[in-house]
């Protein structure tokens, strides 16, 4: 008897193997096809949502540049309600906060900014929101809380803005030397990026002159 199987025997073996295993093979194949279809659909859905959100965001920014506040609010609210899990919704909240500030509704602006800080998945947007919160607090003369907000920020890209705002706060509270130091740090950081800030340098020089004048007056009073 030959040790090799004839073609008929081979086919018969394959048929028997298929009969024993066809159920679970079909099940596995079905699962793979469903997974592939689901993955393809999900990618399509994500891309579609992203495109729609991007279009709404572009319309919002055009409206913003044209000072069409009604359209800005409409597109921003659409982004927040329909695309709340995207970064475009965070940008919409920042835009709405800006409109509220322009109307001196600082409390409502604060709520919008806090929402970005609490829920945004993009660190850069959180940083921007915190800086704007600090500016609101400074406008409200809540200097201590403003400095606390700025102390949370640690992104090197925002250090010039952060230190300039710290300088403004110190200057407003009469802490002139701390303000000068903060301004100088901001100037140094700007220069490290190959740029300059003439306005910031002017503020520093003016404050230094003011601090010197105050010190001279204090020394004169003490001498008298």
N, C-alpha and C. Protein backbone atom coordinates (compact mmCIF):
# COMPACT_ATOMS: atom_id res chain seq x y z
N UNK A 1 0.84 -1.20 0.00
CA UNK A 1 0.00 0.00 0.00
C UNK A 1 0.88 1.25 0.00
N UNK A 2 0.52 2.23 -0.81
CA UNK A 2 1.35 3.42 -0.92
C UNK A 2 1.22 4.25 0.35
N UNK A 3 2.35 4.81 0.74
CA UNK A 3 2.34 5.67 1.91
C UNK A 3 1.78 7.06 1.56
N UNK A 4 1.64 7.35 0.28
CA UNK A 4 1.09 8.63 -0.17
C UNK A 4 -0.40 8.51 -0.41
N UNK A 5 -1.15 9.56 -0.07
CA UNK A 5 -2.60 9.58 -0.27
C UNK A 5 -2.89 9.88 -1.73
N UNK A 6 -3.90 9.21 -2.25
CA UNK A 6 -4.35 9.51 -3.60
C UNK A 6 -5.09 10.84 -3.58
N UNK A 7 -5.34 11.42 -4.74
CA UNK A 7 -6.07 12.69 -4.82
C UNK A 7 -7.46 12.58 -4.21
N UNK A 8 -8.11 11.42 -4.44
CA UNK A 8 -9.44 11.21 -3.89
C UNK A 8 -9.40 11.18 -2.38
N UNK A 9 -8.35 10.51 -1.83
CA UNK A 9 -8.22 10.42 -0.38
C UNK A 9 -7.93 11.81 0.22
N UNK A 10 -7.12 12.59 -0.47
CA UNK A 10 -6.83 13.94 0.00
C UNK A 10 -8.08 14.80 0.04
N UNK A 11 -8.88 14.74 -1.03
CA UNK A 11 -10.12 15.51 -1.07
C UNK A 11 -11.08 15.08 0.02
N UNK A 12 -11.11 13.75 0.25
CA UNK A 12 -12.01 13.23 1.29
C UNK A 12 -11.57 13.72 2.67
N UNK A 13 -10.26 13.78 2.88
CA UNK A 13 -9.73 14.26 4.16
C UNK A 13 -10.07 15.73 4.35
N UNK A 14 -9.95 16.51 3.28
CA UNK A 14 -10.26 17.94 3.36
C UNK A 14 -11.74 18.15 3.68
N UNK A 15 -12.62 17.33 3.01
CA UNK A 15 -14.06 17.46 3.26
C UNK A 15 -14.40 17.16 4.71
N UNK A 16 -13.78 16.10 5.23
CA UNK A 16 -14.04 15.75 6.62
C UNK A 16 -13.56 16.84 7.57
N UNK A 17 -12.38 17.37 7.27
CA UNK A 17 -11.84 18.45 8.12
C UNK A 17 -12.76 19.67 8.09
N UNK A 18 -13.26 20.00 6.91
CA UNK A 18 -14.17 21.14 6.75
C UNK A 18 -15.46 20.92 7.51
N UNK A 19 -16.00 19.73 7.46
CA UNK A 19 -17.23 19.42 8.18
C UNK A 19 -17.05 19.60 9.69
N UNK A 20 -15.86 19.25 10.16
CA UNK A 20 -15.60 19.36 11.60
C UNK A 20 -15.38 20.81 12.03
N UNK A 21 -14.83 21.63 11.14
CA UNK A 21 -14.36 22.96 11.56
C UNK A 21 -15.05 24.13 10.88
N UNK A 22 -15.98 23.86 9.95
CA UNK A 22 -16.54 24.98 9.17
C UNK A 22 -17.29 25.98 10.04
N UNK A 23 -17.94 25.53 11.12
CA UNK A 23 -18.75 26.44 11.93
C UNK A 23 -17.90 27.53 12.57
N UNK A 24 -16.84 27.12 13.27
CA UNK A 24 -16.05 28.13 13.96
C UNK A 24 -15.22 28.97 12.99
N UNK A 25 -14.85 28.38 11.85
CA UNK A 25 -14.12 29.15 10.84
C UNK A 25 -15.00 30.27 10.29
N UNK A 26 -16.26 29.94 9.97
CA UNK A 26 -17.19 30.94 9.47
C UNK A 26 -17.45 32.02 10.51
N UNK A 27 -17.50 31.57 11.78
CA UNK A 27 -17.73 32.52 12.86
C UNK A 27 -16.57 33.51 12.97
N UNK A 28 -15.35 32.98 12.90
CA UNK A 28 -14.16 33.84 12.98
C UNK A 28 -14.12 34.81 11.80
N UNK A 29 -14.40 34.30 10.61
CA UNK A 29 -14.38 35.15 9.41
C UNK A 29 -15.44 36.24 9.50
N UNK A 30 -16.62 35.87 10.01
CA UNK A 30 -17.69 36.86 10.16
C UNK A 30 -17.28 37.96 11.13
N UNK A 31 -16.66 37.55 12.23
CA UNK A 31 -16.20 38.54 13.21
C UNK A 31 -15.16 39.48 12.62
N UNK A 32 -14.23 38.90 11.85
CA UNK A 32 -13.20 39.72 11.21
C UNK A 32 -13.80 40.71 10.22
N UNK A 33 -14.77 40.24 9.44
CA UNK A 33 -15.42 41.12 8.47
C UNK A 33 -16.19 42.24 9.16
N UNK A 34 -16.89 41.88 10.26
CA UNK A 34 -17.63 42.89 11.00
C UNK A 34 -16.69 43.92 11.62
N UNK A 35 -15.58 43.43 12.16
CA UNK A 35 -14.61 44.34 12.77
C UNK A 35 -14.02 45.28 11.73
N UNK A 36 -13.69 44.74 10.57
CA UNK A 36 -13.14 45.57 9.49
C UNK A 36 -14.15 46.60 9.02
N UNK A 37 -15.41 46.17 8.88
CA UNK A 37 -16.45 47.10 8.45
C UNK A 37 -16.69 48.18 9.49
N UNK A 38 -16.70 47.76 10.76
CA UNK A 38 -16.90 48.73 11.84
C UNK A 38 -15.77 49.74 11.92
N UNK A 39 -14.54 49.26 11.75
CA UNK A 39 -13.38 50.15 11.78
C UNK A 39 -13.44 51.15 10.63
N UNK A 40 -13.81 50.65 9.45
CA UNK A 40 -13.91 51.52 8.28
C UNK A 40 -15.01 52.57 8.48
N UNK A 41 -16.14 52.14 9.02
CA UNK A 41 -17.24 53.08 9.26
C UNK A 41 -16.85 54.12 10.30
N UNK A 42 -16.18 53.68 11.36
CA UNK A 42 -15.78 54.62 12.41
C UNK A 42 -14.82 55.68 11.88
N UNK A 43 -13.85 55.24 11.07
CA UNK A 43 -12.92 56.21 10.47
C UNK A 43 -13.66 57.21 9.58
N UNK A 44 -14.61 56.68 8.81
CA UNK A 44 -15.41 57.55 7.95
C UNK A 44 -16.20 58.55 8.77
N UNK A 45 -16.80 58.06 9.87
CA UNK A 45 -17.61 58.92 10.73
C UNK A 45 -16.75 60.01 11.38
N UNK A 46 -15.57 59.63 11.89
CA UNK A 46 -14.68 60.60 12.53
C UNK A 46 -14.24 61.66 11.54
N UNK A 47 -13.89 61.22 10.33
CA UNK A 47 -13.45 62.17 9.30
C UNK A 47 -14.59 63.11 8.91
N UNK A 48 -15.80 62.56 8.82
CA UNK A 48 -16.96 63.39 8.47
C UNK A 48 -17.22 64.44 9.55
N UNK A 49 -17.20 64.02 10.81
CA UNK A 49 -17.45 64.93 11.93
C UNK A 49 -16.37 66.01 11.96
N UNK A 50 -15.12 65.59 11.77
CA UNK A 50 -14.02 66.54 11.79
C UNK A 50 -14.15 67.58 10.69
N UNK A 51 -14.56 67.13 9.50
CA UNK A 51 -14.73 68.05 8.37
C UNK A 51 -15.86 69.04 8.64
N UNK A 52 -16.97 68.53 9.15
CA UNK A 52 -18.11 69.41 9.44
C UNK A 52 -17.75 70.43 10.53
N UNK A 53 -17.06 69.95 11.57
CA UNK A 53 -16.67 70.85 12.65
C UNK A 53 -15.68 71.90 12.15
N UNK A 54 -14.76 71.48 11.29
CA UNK A 54 -13.78 72.41 10.73
C UNK A 54 -14.46 73.49 9.90
N UNK A 55 -15.45 73.11 9.12
CA UNK A 55 -16.18 74.08 8.30
C UNK A 55 -16.92 75.09 9.18
N UNK A 56 -17.56 74.59 10.23
CA UNK A 56 -18.28 75.49 11.14
C UNK A 56 -17.31 76.44 11.84
N UNK A 57 -16.15 75.92 12.19
CA UNK A 57 -15.13 76.75 12.84
C UNK A 57 -14.64 77.85 11.91
N UNK A 58 -14.40 77.50 10.64
CA UNK A 58 -13.95 78.49 9.67
C UNK A 58 -15.00 79.59 9.49
N UNK A 59 -16.27 79.21 9.43
CA UNK A 59 -17.33 80.21 9.31
C UNK A 59 -17.38 81.10 10.55
N UNK A 60 -17.15 80.50 11.72
CA UNK A 60 -17.15 81.28 12.95
C UNK A 60 -16.04 82.31 12.95
N UNK A 61 -14.85 81.91 12.50
CA UNK A 61 -13.71 82.83 12.50
C UNK A 61 -13.90 83.95 11.47
N UNK A 62 -14.51 83.63 10.34
CA UNK A 62 -14.82 84.67 9.36
C UNK A 62 -15.79 85.68 9.97
N UNK A 63 -16.81 85.18 10.63
CA UNK A 63 -17.78 86.05 11.29
C UNK A 63 -17.11 86.89 12.37
N UNK A 64 -16.17 86.29 13.08
CA UNK A 64 -15.45 87.00 14.14
C UNK A 64 -14.64 88.15 13.55
N UNK A 65 -13.97 87.88 12.43
CA UNK A 65 -13.15 88.92 11.79
C UNK A 65 -14.01 90.05 11.25
N UNK A 66 -15.26 89.76 10.95
CA UNK A 66 -16.18 90.77 10.41
C UNK A 66 -17.04 91.40 11.51
N UNK A 67 -16.74 91.05 12.77
CA UNK A 67 -17.49 91.57 13.92
C UNK A 67 -18.98 91.25 13.84
N UNK A 68 -19.28 90.12 13.21
CA UNK A 68 -20.66 89.66 13.11
C UNK A 68 -20.95 88.77 14.33
N UNK A 69 -21.21 89.41 15.45
CA UNK A 69 -21.33 88.69 16.72
C UNK A 69 -22.48 87.69 16.74
N UNK A 70 -23.56 88.03 16.05
CA UNK A 70 -24.70 87.11 16.00
C UNK A 70 -24.30 85.79 15.34
N UNK A 71 -23.59 85.87 14.22
CA UNK A 71 -23.15 84.65 13.53
C UNK A 71 -22.08 83.92 14.34
N UNK A 72 -21.21 84.66 15.01
CA UNK A 72 -20.20 84.03 15.87
C UNK A 72 -20.87 83.17 16.92
N UNK A 73 -21.88 83.75 17.58
CA UNK A 73 -22.60 82.99 18.61
C UNK A 73 -23.30 81.77 18.02
N UNK A 74 -23.89 81.93 16.85
CA UNK A 74 -24.61 80.81 16.23
C UNK A 74 -23.66 79.66 15.91
N UNK A 75 -22.53 79.96 15.27
CA UNK A 75 -21.58 78.90 14.91
C UNK A 75 -20.91 78.32 16.16
N UNK A 76 -20.62 79.17 17.13
CA UNK A 76 -19.98 78.69 18.36
C UNK A 76 -20.91 77.73 19.11
N UNK A 77 -22.18 78.10 19.22
CA UNK A 77 -23.13 77.22 19.90
C UNK A 77 -23.33 75.91 19.15
N UNK A 78 -23.27 75.97 17.81
CA UNK A 78 -23.36 74.75 17.01
C UNK A 78 -22.17 73.83 17.29
N UNK A 79 -20.99 74.42 17.35
CA UNK A 79 -19.79 73.63 17.62
C UNK A 79 -19.86 72.97 19.00
N UNK A 80 -20.35 73.72 19.97
CA UNK A 80 -20.43 73.19 21.34
C UNK A 80 -21.48 72.09 21.45
N UNK A 81 -22.63 72.28 20.80
CA UNK A 81 -23.72 71.30 20.93
C UNK A 81 -23.52 70.07 20.05
N UNK A 82 -23.02 70.27 18.84
CA UNK A 82 -22.91 69.15 17.89
C UNK A 82 -21.54 68.48 17.88
N UNK A 83 -20.50 69.23 18.27
CA UNK A 83 -19.15 68.69 18.19
C UNK A 83 -18.40 68.95 19.51
N UNK A 84 -19.11 68.69 20.59
CA UNK A 84 -18.60 69.02 21.92
C UNK A 84 -17.33 68.32 22.32
N UNK A 85 -17.00 67.19 21.69
CA UNK A 85 -15.81 66.43 22.05
C UNK A 85 -14.60 66.81 21.21
N UNK A 86 -14.72 67.80 20.36
CA UNK A 86 -13.61 68.20 19.50
C UNK A 86 -12.96 69.47 20.04
N UNK A 87 -11.74 69.75 19.55
CA UNK A 87 -11.03 70.97 19.96
C UNK A 87 -11.75 72.21 19.43
N UNK A 88 -12.55 72.02 18.38
CA UNK A 88 -13.27 73.16 17.83
C UNK A 88 -14.29 73.71 18.84
N UNK A 89 -14.84 72.83 19.64
CA UNK A 89 -15.77 73.28 20.68
C UNK A 89 -15.05 74.12 21.73
N UNK A 90 -13.81 73.73 22.05
CA UNK A 90 -13.01 74.53 22.99
C UNK A 90 -12.73 75.91 22.41
N UNK A 91 -12.38 75.94 21.12
CA UNK A 91 -12.12 77.23 20.46
C UNK A 91 -13.39 78.08 20.44
N UNK A 92 -14.54 77.43 20.29
CA UNK A 92 -15.81 78.15 20.30
C UNK A 92 -16.06 78.79 21.67
N UNK A 93 -15.74 78.08 22.72
CA UNK A 93 -15.91 78.63 24.08
C UNK A 93 -14.99 79.84 24.29
N UNK A 94 -13.77 79.75 23.76
CA UNK A 94 -12.86 80.89 23.86
C UNK A 94 -13.42 82.10 23.12
N UNK A 95 -14.02 81.86 21.96
CA UNK A 95 -14.61 82.95 21.18
C UNK A 95 -15.79 83.57 21.92
N UNK A 96 -16.65 82.73 22.49
CA UNK A 96 -17.80 83.24 23.24
C UNK A 96 -17.35 84.02 24.48
N UNK A 97 -16.29 83.55 25.11
CA UNK A 97 -15.76 84.26 26.28
C UNK A 97 -15.29 85.65 25.88
N UNK A 98 -14.67 85.75 24.71
CA UNK A 98 -14.22 87.05 24.21
C UNK A 98 -15.40 87.99 24.01
N UNK A 99 -16.48 87.48 23.44
CA UNK A 99 -17.67 88.32 23.25
C UNK A 99 -18.24 88.78 24.59
N UNK A 100 -18.23 87.89 25.58
CA UNK A 100 -18.75 88.26 26.90
C UNK A 100 -17.88 89.33 27.55
N UNK A 101 -16.57 89.24 27.36
CA UNK A 101 -15.67 90.26 27.90
C UNK A 101 -15.96 91.61 27.26
N UNK A 102 -16.17 91.60 25.95
CA UNK A 102 -16.46 92.85 25.23
C UNK A 102 -17.73 93.52 25.75
N UNK A 103 -18.66 92.71 26.28
CA UNK A 103 -19.90 93.24 26.85
C UNK A 103 -19.80 93.42 28.36
N UNK A 104 -18.57 93.23 28.88
CA UNK A 104 -18.30 93.37 30.32
C UNK A 104 -19.07 92.36 31.17
N UNK A 105 -19.38 91.22 30.57
CA UNK A 105 -20.01 90.14 31.32
C UNK A 105 -18.92 89.17 31.75
N UNK A 106 -18.13 89.60 32.71
CA UNK A 106 -16.93 88.86 33.09
C UNK A 106 -17.26 87.51 33.73
N UNK A 107 -18.35 87.46 34.48
CA UNK A 107 -18.73 86.19 35.12
C UNK A 107 -19.01 85.11 34.08
N UNK A 108 -19.75 85.47 33.03
CA UNK A 108 -20.07 84.50 31.99
C UNK A 108 -18.82 84.10 31.21
N UNK A 109 -17.95 85.06 30.98
CA UNK A 109 -16.69 84.75 30.30
C UNK A 109 -15.87 83.78 31.13
N UNK A 110 -15.87 84.02 32.44
CA UNK A 110 -15.12 83.15 33.35
C UNK A 110 -15.61 81.71 33.27
N UNK A 111 -16.92 81.52 33.21
CA UNK A 111 -17.50 80.18 33.13
C UNK A 111 -17.04 79.47 31.87
N UNK A 112 -17.06 80.17 30.74
CA UNK A 112 -16.62 79.59 29.47
C UNK A 112 -15.16 79.16 29.54
N UNK A 113 -14.33 80.01 30.10
CA UNK A 113 -12.89 79.73 30.17
C UNK A 113 -12.60 78.57 31.12
N UNK A 114 -13.32 78.53 32.24
CA UNK A 114 -13.14 77.43 33.19
C UNK A 114 -13.53 76.09 32.56
N UNK A 115 -14.53 76.12 31.68
CA UNK A 115 -14.96 74.91 30.99
C UNK A 115 -13.84 74.37 30.10
N UNK A 116 -13.13 75.28 29.43
CA UNK A 116 -12.01 74.86 28.59
C UNK A 116 -10.90 74.25 29.46
N UNK A 117 -10.59 74.91 30.56
CA UNK A 117 -9.54 74.41 31.47
C UNK A 117 -9.89 73.02 31.99
N UNK A 118 -11.16 72.83 32.32
CA UNK A 118 -11.58 71.57 32.95
C UNK A 118 -11.69 70.42 31.96
N UNK A 119 -12.05 70.70 30.70
CA UNK A 119 -12.42 69.60 29.81
C UNK A 119 -11.60 69.49 28.52
N UNK A 120 -10.86 70.51 28.16
CA UNK A 120 -10.13 70.45 26.90
C UNK A 120 -9.07 69.36 26.93
N UNK A 121 -8.91 68.68 25.79
CA UNK A 121 -7.90 67.64 25.65
C UNK A 121 -6.60 68.20 25.08
N UNK A 122 -6.60 69.49 24.75
CA UNK A 122 -5.42 70.12 24.17
C UNK A 122 -4.78 71.04 25.21
N UNK A 123 -3.55 70.73 25.59
CA UNK A 123 -2.85 71.49 26.63
C UNK A 123 -2.72 72.95 26.26
N UNK A 124 -2.42 73.24 25.00
CA UNK A 124 -2.23 74.63 24.57
C UNK A 124 -3.48 75.47 24.81
N UNK A 125 -4.66 74.91 24.52
CA UNK A 125 -5.89 75.64 24.74
C UNK A 125 -6.17 75.85 26.23
N UNK A 126 -5.80 74.87 27.05
CA UNK A 126 -5.93 75.04 28.50
C UNK A 126 -5.06 76.19 28.98
N UNK A 127 -3.84 76.27 28.43
CA UNK A 127 -2.93 77.34 28.82
C UNK A 127 -3.51 78.70 28.44
N UNK A 128 -4.02 78.81 27.22
CA UNK A 128 -4.62 80.06 26.76
C UNK A 128 -5.79 80.46 27.67
N UNK A 129 -6.62 79.48 28.01
CA UNK A 129 -7.78 79.76 28.86
C UNK A 129 -7.34 80.25 30.24
N UNK A 130 -6.31 79.62 30.80
CA UNK A 130 -5.82 80.04 32.12
C UNK A 130 -5.27 81.48 32.08
N UNK A 131 -4.54 81.80 31.03
CA UNK A 131 -4.00 83.15 30.91
C UNK A 131 -5.14 84.16 30.84
N UNK A 132 -6.18 83.83 30.08
CA UNK A 132 -7.32 84.75 29.96
C UNK A 132 -8.09 84.87 31.27
N UNK A 133 -8.16 83.76 32.03
CA UNK A 133 -8.78 83.83 33.35
C UNK A 133 -7.98 84.76 34.25
N UNK A 134 -6.66 84.65 34.19
CA UNK A 134 -5.80 85.52 35.00
C UNK A 134 -6.00 86.98 34.63
N UNK A 135 -6.19 87.25 33.33
CA UNK A 135 -6.44 88.63 32.90
C UNK A 135 -7.79 89.14 33.43
N UNK A 136 -8.80 88.26 33.42
CA UNK A 136 -10.10 88.65 33.98
C UNK A 136 -9.97 88.99 35.46
N UNK A 137 -9.27 88.14 36.19
CA UNK A 137 -9.08 88.36 37.61
C UNK A 137 -8.30 89.65 37.88
N UNK A 138 -7.35 89.92 37.01
CA UNK A 138 -6.58 91.17 37.15
C UNK A 138 -7.48 92.37 36.91
N UNK A 139 -8.34 92.28 35.91
CA UNK A 139 -9.29 93.37 35.63
C UNK A 139 -10.23 93.59 36.81
N UNK A 140 -10.53 92.50 37.53
CA UNK A 140 -11.40 92.58 38.70
C UNK A 140 -10.63 92.93 39.97
N UNK A 141 -9.30 93.16 39.80
CA UNK A 141 -8.39 93.49 40.92
C UNK A 141 -8.27 92.35 41.93
N UNK A 142 -8.54 91.14 41.47
CA UNK A 142 -8.34 89.97 42.32
C UNK A 142 -6.94 89.42 42.02
N UNK A 143 -5.95 90.19 42.45
CA UNK A 143 -4.56 89.93 42.05
C UNK A 143 -4.01 88.62 42.60
N UNK A 144 -4.39 88.28 43.80
CA UNK A 144 -3.87 87.05 44.41
C UNK A 144 -4.31 85.82 43.62
N UNK A 145 -5.58 85.77 43.28
CA UNK A 145 -6.08 84.63 42.50
C UNK A 145 -5.49 84.62 41.09
N UNK A 146 -5.26 85.80 40.54
CA UNK A 146 -4.65 85.88 39.20
C UNK A 146 -3.25 85.27 39.23
N UNK A 147 -2.47 85.59 40.25
CA UNK A 147 -1.12 85.02 40.37
C UNK A 147 -1.17 83.52 40.59
N UNK A 148 -2.16 83.07 41.36
CA UNK A 148 -2.33 81.62 41.58
C UNK A 148 -2.61 80.92 40.25
N UNK A 149 -3.45 81.54 39.41
CA UNK A 149 -3.78 80.95 38.12
C UNK A 149 -2.53 80.87 37.24
N UNK A 150 -1.72 81.92 37.27
CA UNK A 150 -0.51 81.94 36.45
C UNK A 150 0.54 80.95 36.95
N UNK A 151 0.51 80.64 38.23
CA UNK A 151 1.50 79.73 38.78
C UNK A 151 1.31 78.30 38.28
N UNK A 152 0.13 77.99 37.77
CA UNK A 152 -0.16 76.65 37.25
C UNK A 152 0.45 76.46 35.86
N UNK A 153 0.68 77.56 35.17
CA UNK A 153 1.17 77.50 33.79
C UNK A 153 2.67 77.20 33.78
N UNK A 154 3.07 76.25 32.93
CA UNK A 154 4.49 75.90 32.87
C UNK A 154 4.99 75.65 31.45
N UNK A 155 4.17 76.04 30.45
CA UNK A 155 4.57 75.86 29.06
C UNK A 155 5.53 76.98 28.67
N UNK A 156 6.74 76.61 28.23
CA UNK A 156 7.77 77.60 27.91
C UNK A 156 7.31 78.59 26.85
N UNK A 157 6.46 78.15 25.95
CA UNK A 157 6.01 79.02 24.86
C UNK A 157 5.21 80.21 25.37
N UNK A 158 4.62 80.08 26.56
CA UNK A 158 3.78 81.14 27.09
C UNK A 158 4.46 81.95 28.19
N UNK A 159 5.70 81.65 28.49
CA UNK A 159 6.37 82.34 29.60
C UNK A 159 6.50 83.84 29.40
N UNK A 160 6.79 84.34 28.17
CA UNK A 160 6.84 85.79 28.01
C UNK A 160 5.51 86.46 28.37
N UNK A 161 4.41 85.88 27.93
CA UNK A 161 3.08 86.45 28.24
C UNK A 161 2.80 86.35 29.73
N UNK A 162 3.14 85.21 30.32
CA UNK A 162 2.89 84.99 31.74
C UNK A 162 3.67 85.98 32.59
N UNK A 163 4.96 86.15 32.28
CA UNK A 163 5.79 87.05 33.08
C UNK A 163 5.39 88.51 32.88
N UNK A 164 4.97 88.86 31.67
CA UNK A 164 4.51 90.23 31.46
C UNK A 164 3.25 90.50 32.28
N UNK A 165 2.34 89.54 32.31
CA UNK A 165 1.12 89.71 33.10
C UNK A 165 1.44 89.76 34.59
N UNK A 166 2.39 88.93 35.03
CA UNK A 166 2.83 89.00 36.43
C UNK A 166 3.37 90.39 36.74
N UNK A 167 4.17 90.92 35.79
CA UNK A 167 4.71 92.26 35.98
C UNK A 167 3.61 93.30 36.11
N UNK A 168 2.56 93.18 35.29
CA UNK A 168 1.43 94.12 35.37
C UNK A 168 0.76 94.04 36.74
N UNK A 169 0.63 92.83 37.25
CA UNK A 169 -0.02 92.64 38.56
C UNK A 169 0.84 93.24 39.67
N UNK A 170 2.14 92.97 39.63
CA UNK A 170 3.04 93.53 40.65
C UNK A 170 3.05 95.07 40.58
N UNK A 171 3.04 95.60 39.36
CA UNK A 171 3.04 97.05 39.20
C UNK A 171 1.76 97.65 39.77
N UNK A 172 0.62 96.98 39.53
CA UNK A 172 -0.66 97.48 40.01
C UNK A 172 -0.74 97.47 41.53
N UNK A 173 0.02 96.58 42.17
CA UNK A 173 -0.01 96.46 43.63
C UNK A 173 1.17 97.18 44.29
N UNK A 174 1.91 97.95 43.48
CA UNK A 174 3.00 98.75 44.03
C UNK A 174 4.28 97.98 44.31
N UNK A 175 4.36 96.75 43.85
CA UNK A 175 5.57 95.94 44.05
C UNK A 175 6.48 96.12 42.82
N UNK A 176 7.08 97.31 42.75
CA UNK A 176 7.75 97.73 41.52
C UNK A 176 8.96 96.86 41.17
N UNK A 177 9.76 96.52 42.16
CA UNK A 177 10.94 95.72 41.84
C UNK A 177 10.57 94.33 41.32
N UNK A 178 9.56 93.71 41.94
CA UNK A 178 9.09 92.42 41.44
C UNK A 178 8.55 92.55 40.02
N UNK A 179 7.88 93.67 39.76
CA UNK A 179 7.33 93.91 38.42
C UNK A 179 8.47 94.05 37.41
N UNK A 180 9.49 94.82 37.77
CA UNK A 180 10.64 95.01 36.87
C UNK A 180 11.32 93.68 36.59
N UNK A 181 11.49 92.86 37.62
CA UNK A 181 12.11 91.55 37.45
C UNK A 181 11.30 90.67 36.50
N UNK A 182 9.98 90.70 36.67
CA UNK A 182 9.11 89.89 35.81
C UNK A 182 9.17 90.38 34.36
N UNK A 183 9.17 91.70 34.17
CA UNK A 183 9.28 92.25 32.82
C UNK A 183 10.60 91.85 32.17
N UNK A 184 11.69 91.93 32.95
CA UNK A 184 13.00 91.58 32.40
C UNK A 184 13.06 90.11 31.99
N UNK A 185 12.42 89.25 32.79
CA UNK A 185 12.36 87.84 32.42
C UNK A 185 11.60 87.65 31.11
N UNK A 186 10.50 88.38 30.97
CA UNK A 186 9.71 88.30 29.74
C UNK A 186 10.53 88.76 28.54
N UNK A 187 11.27 89.87 28.71
CA UNK A 187 12.10 90.38 27.62
C UNK A 187 13.18 89.38 27.24
N UNK A 188 13.80 88.77 28.25
CA UNK A 188 14.84 87.78 27.99
C UNK A 188 14.30 86.57 27.24
N UNK A 189 13.11 86.12 27.63
CA UNK A 189 12.51 84.97 26.97
C UNK A 189 12.12 85.28 25.53
N UNK A 190 11.64 86.51 25.30
CA UNK A 190 11.30 86.91 23.93
C UNK A 190 12.56 86.94 23.07
N UNK A 191 13.64 87.47 23.61
CA UNK A 191 14.89 87.54 22.86
C UNK A 191 15.45 86.16 22.56
N UNK A 192 15.22 85.23 23.47
CA UNK A 192 15.68 83.85 23.23
C UNK A 192 15.02 83.24 22.01
N UNK A 193 13.85 83.77 21.66
CA UNK A 193 13.13 83.29 20.48
C UNK A 193 13.44 84.16 19.25
N UNK A 194 14.48 85.00 19.39
CA UNK A 194 14.90 85.82 18.26
C UNK A 194 13.97 86.97 17.94
N UNK A 195 13.22 87.42 18.95
CA UNK A 195 12.27 88.51 18.73
C UNK A 195 12.52 89.62 19.74
N UNK A 196 11.74 90.66 19.63
CA UNK A 196 11.82 91.77 20.57
C UNK A 196 10.44 92.27 20.91
N UNK A 197 10.35 93.09 21.95
CA UNK A 197 9.06 93.67 22.34
C UNK A 197 9.34 95.08 22.86
N UNK A 198 9.27 96.04 21.95
CA UNK A 198 9.60 97.43 22.28
C UNK A 198 8.66 97.98 23.35
N UNK A 199 7.38 97.65 23.26
CA UNK A 199 6.41 98.14 24.25
C UNK A 199 6.75 97.62 25.64
N UNK A 200 7.15 96.36 25.73
CA UNK A 200 7.50 95.78 27.02
C UNK A 200 8.75 96.45 27.59
N UNK A 201 9.72 96.75 26.72
CA UNK A 201 10.92 97.44 27.18
C UNK A 201 10.60 98.84 27.67
N UNK A 202 9.68 99.52 26.99
CA UNK A 202 9.25 100.85 27.43
C UNK A 202 8.58 100.78 28.79
N UNK A 203 7.73 99.77 28.99
CA UNK A 203 7.06 99.61 30.29
C UNK A 203 8.09 99.38 31.39
N UNK A 204 9.09 98.59 31.09
CA UNK A 204 10.13 98.29 32.08
C UNK A 204 10.89 99.54 32.45
N UNK A 205 11.28 100.33 31.45
CA UNK A 205 12.05 101.55 31.71
C UNK A 205 11.23 102.58 32.48
N UNK A 206 9.96 102.72 32.11
CA UNK A 206 9.09 103.67 32.81
C UNK A 206 8.89 103.25 34.27
N UNK A 207 8.72 101.96 34.48
CA UNK A 207 8.52 101.48 35.85
C UNK A 207 9.79 101.62 36.67
N UNK A 208 10.94 101.40 36.03
CA UNK A 208 12.21 101.56 36.73
C UNK A 208 12.39 103.02 37.16
N UNK A 209 12.02 103.94 36.28
CA UNK A 209 12.11 105.37 36.61
C UNK A 209 11.16 105.71 37.75
N UNK A 210 9.95 105.15 37.70
CA UNK A 210 8.96 105.40 38.75
C UNK A 210 9.46 104.84 40.09
N UNK A 211 10.02 103.63 40.06
CA UNK A 211 10.53 103.00 41.28
C UNK A 211 11.66 103.83 41.88
N UNK A 212 12.53 104.36 41.02
CA UNK A 212 13.64 105.18 41.48
C UNK A 212 13.11 106.47 42.12
N UNK A 213 12.09 107.05 41.50
CA UNK A 213 11.51 108.28 42.03
C UNK A 213 10.88 108.04 43.40
N UNK A 214 10.15 106.92 43.53
CA UNK A 214 9.51 106.58 44.80
C UNK A 214 10.56 106.35 45.87
N UNK A 215 11.64 105.65 45.52
CA UNK A 215 12.71 105.40 46.49
C UNK A 215 13.37 106.70 46.94
N UNK A 216 13.54 107.62 45.98
CA UNK A 216 14.15 108.91 46.32
C UNK A 216 13.27 109.69 47.28
N UNK A 217 11.95 109.66 47.02
CA UNK A 217 11.02 110.36 47.90
C UNK A 217 11.02 109.74 49.29
N UNK A 218 11.06 108.40 49.34
CA UNK A 218 11.08 107.74 50.66
C UNK A 218 12.34 108.08 51.43
N UNK A 219 13.47 108.13 50.71
CA UNK A 219 14.74 108.46 51.36
C UNK A 219 14.72 109.90 51.87
N UNK A 220 14.07 110.80 51.10
CA UNK A 220 13.99 112.19 51.52
C UNK A 220 13.15 112.33 52.78
N UNK A 221 12.05 111.58 52.82
CA UNK A 221 11.15 111.61 53.98
C UNK A 221 11.87 111.09 55.21
N UNK A 222 12.62 109.98 55.03
CA UNK A 222 13.35 109.41 56.17
C UNK A 222 14.44 110.35 56.67
N UNK A 223 15.10 111.03 55.73
CA UNK A 223 16.17 111.96 56.11
C UNK A 223 15.62 113.15 56.86
N UNK A 224 14.39 113.57 56.47
CA UNK A 224 13.77 114.72 57.16
C UNK A 224 13.36 114.32 58.57
